[in-house]
Amino acid sequence: LRYEDAGEQAFVNVRVIPKGNEVVLIRNIALSGQFLKRSTIYQKGEVQVLTWTGAMFMANWKSKEIPGYLVDFQIKDVDGEKGNELIVAVNLPKEGILPGQKGSALMVSRVEEIQ
């Protein structure tokens, strides 16, 4: 989702999950960093938990960096064991020299920090 106003643009996460005074969201990271503000090419990302302090959101937890563009995520108990799993849909980075060679994956990992 993109917001444009007076020549400026910002990209907003599609899914934000509220959990009390916290929110869980995806942060996609561009290799160009802040140098090319209009860049929408992301090489990696992470899932973050932000906590509301009363004045602003502060990072409370984050996953390890995941290669590729993080499309969506969910927090569910998928295996019936104690605890939740973090499921992340990822568009993998292009591999090989031929155009269009992309892949996608679902990454699943147990997370005890996010309930």
Protein backbone atom coordinates (compact mmCIF):
# COMPACT_ATOMS: atom_id res chain seq x y z
CA LEU A 1 0.00 0.00 0.00
CA ARG A 2 1.45 3.36 -0.98
CA TYR A 3 0.55 6.84 0.22
CA GLU A 4 1.56 9.90 -1.80
CA ASP A 5 1.20 13.51 -0.66
CA ALA A 6 2.94 16.62 -2.00
CA GLY A 7 5.59 14.60 -3.83
CA GLU A 8 6.43 12.43 -0.83
CA GLN A 9 5.55 8.77 -0.61
CA ALA A 10 5.52 6.21 2.15
CA PHE A 11 4.95 2.46 2.10
CA VAL A 12 2.65 0.95 4.70
CA ASN A 13 2.60 -2.65 5.89
CA VAL A 14 -0.39 -4.62 4.67
CA ARG A 15 -0.82 -6.63 7.87
CA VAL A 16 -0.44 -5.20 11.35
CA ILE A 17 -1.63 -7.43 14.20
CA PRO A 18 -2.55 -5.58 17.41
CA LYS A 19 -1.93 -7.46 20.69
CA GLY A 20 -2.83 -5.27 23.67
CA ASN A 21 -0.31 -2.42 23.83
CA GLU A 22 1.82 -4.09 21.15
CA VAL A 23 1.65 -4.44 17.38
CA VAL A 24 3.29 -7.13 15.25
CA LEU A 25 4.33 -6.14 11.73
CA ILE A 26 6.69 -6.77 8.84
CA ARG A 27 9.65 -4.51 8.14
CA ASN A 28 11.06 -5.01 4.65
CA ILE A 29 14.59 -3.68 4.20
CA ALA A 30 15.94 -2.24 0.94
CA LEU A 31 19.61 -2.70 0.13
CA SER A 32 19.73 0.94 -0.98
CA GLY A 33 18.69 1.97 2.53
CA GLN A 34 17.72 5.61 2.87
CA PHE A 35 19.72 6.74 -0.17
CA LEU A 36 16.94 6.02 -2.66
CA LYS A 37 13.73 6.90 -0.85
CA ARG A 38 11.54 5.96 -3.81
CA SER A 39 13.02 2.46 -4.02
CA THR A 40 10.61 -0.42 -3.61
CA ILE A 41 13.13 -3.22 -4.15
CA TYR A 42 13.60 -5.11 -0.91
CA GLN A 43 16.25 -7.78 -0.37
CA LYS A 44 15.42 -8.84 3.18
CA GLY A 45 13.02 -8.26 6.00
CA GLU A 46 12.12 -9.07 9.57
CA VAL A 47 9.04 -9.42 11.74
CA GLN A 48 8.92 -6.94 14.62
CA VAL A 49 6.94 -6.48 17.80
CA LEU A 50 6.54 -2.81 18.75
CA THR A 51 5.31 -1.75 22.20
CA TRP A 52 3.38 1.48 22.83
CA THR A 53 5.09 3.53 25.57
CA GLY A 54 2.38 6.17 25.80
CA ALA A 55 4.27 8.50 23.49
CA MET A 56 5.63 6.25 20.70
CA PHE A 57 6.18 2.67 19.58
CA MET A 58 9.48 1.09 20.64
CA ALA A 59 10.95 -2.13 19.22
CA ASN A 60 10.46 -4.91 21.75
CA TRP A 61 11.38 -7.99 19.68
CA LYS A 62 12.41 -8.82 16.14
CA SER A 63 13.04 -11.97 14.17
CA LYS A 64 16.31 -12.78 12.48
CA GLU A 65 16.63 -11.17 9.05
CA ILE A 66 14.92 -13.22 6.36
CA PRO A 67 16.23 -13.02 2.77
CA GLY A 68 13.68 -11.85 0.21
CA TYR A 69 10.56 -9.71 0.30
CA LEU A 70 8.24 -10.55 3.21
CA VAL A 71 4.73 -10.57 1.77
CA ASP A 72 2.57 -11.59 4.72
CA PHE A 73 2.69 -13.33 8.08
CA GLN A 74 0.54 -15.01 10.68
CA ILE A 75 1.02 -16.21 14.25
CA LYS A 76 -0.76 -19.50 14.91
CA ASP A 77 -0.34 -22.86 16.60
CA VAL A 78 -0.03 -25.02 13.47
CA ASP A 79 1.32 -28.24 14.96
CA GLY A 80 -0.78 -28.62 18.12
CA GLU A 81 2.31 -28.44 20.32
CA LYS A 82 2.60 -25.90 23.12
CA GLY A 83 3.28 -22.39 21.79
CA ASN A 84 2.75 -20.51 18.55
CA GLU A 85 4.57 -20.56 15.25
CA LEU A 86 5.44 -17.59 13.10
CA ILE A 87 4.48 -18.27 9.48
CA VAL A 88 5.98 -15.89 6.92
CA ALA A 89 5.24 -15.82 3.17
CA VAL A 90 8.41 -14.77 1.32
CA ASN A 91 9.21 -13.86 -2.28
CA LEU A 92 12.73 -15.18 -2.53
CA PRO A 93 15.52 -13.17 -4.14
CA LYS A 94 16.12 -13.82 -7.82
CA GLU A 95 18.55 -16.65 -8.37
CA GLY A 96 20.40 -17.39 -11.57
CA ILE A 97 20.98 -15.24 -14.62
CA LEU A 98 17.70 -15.78 -16.46
CA PRO A 99 14.94 -13.21 -15.91
CA GLY A 100 11.86 -14.35 -14.08
CA GLN A 101 13.61 -17.02 -12.00
CA LYS A 102 11.98 -16.21 -8.70
CA GLY A 103 10.60 -18.40 -6.03
CA SER A 104 8.43 -18.17 -3.00
CA ALA A 105 8.30 -19.99 0.29
CA LEU A 106 6.47 -20.31 3.57
CA MET A 107 8.86 -20.10 6.49
CA VAL A 108 7.66 -21.53 9.80
CA SER A 109 9.42 -21.16 13.14
CA ARG A 110 8.36 -21.56 16.75
CA VAL A 111 8.26 -18.29 18.68
CA GLU A 112 7.84 -18.17 22.40
CA GLU A 113 8.25 -14.39 22.57
CA ILE A 114 5.07 -13.66 20.59
CA GLN A 115 1.85 -14.93 22.17
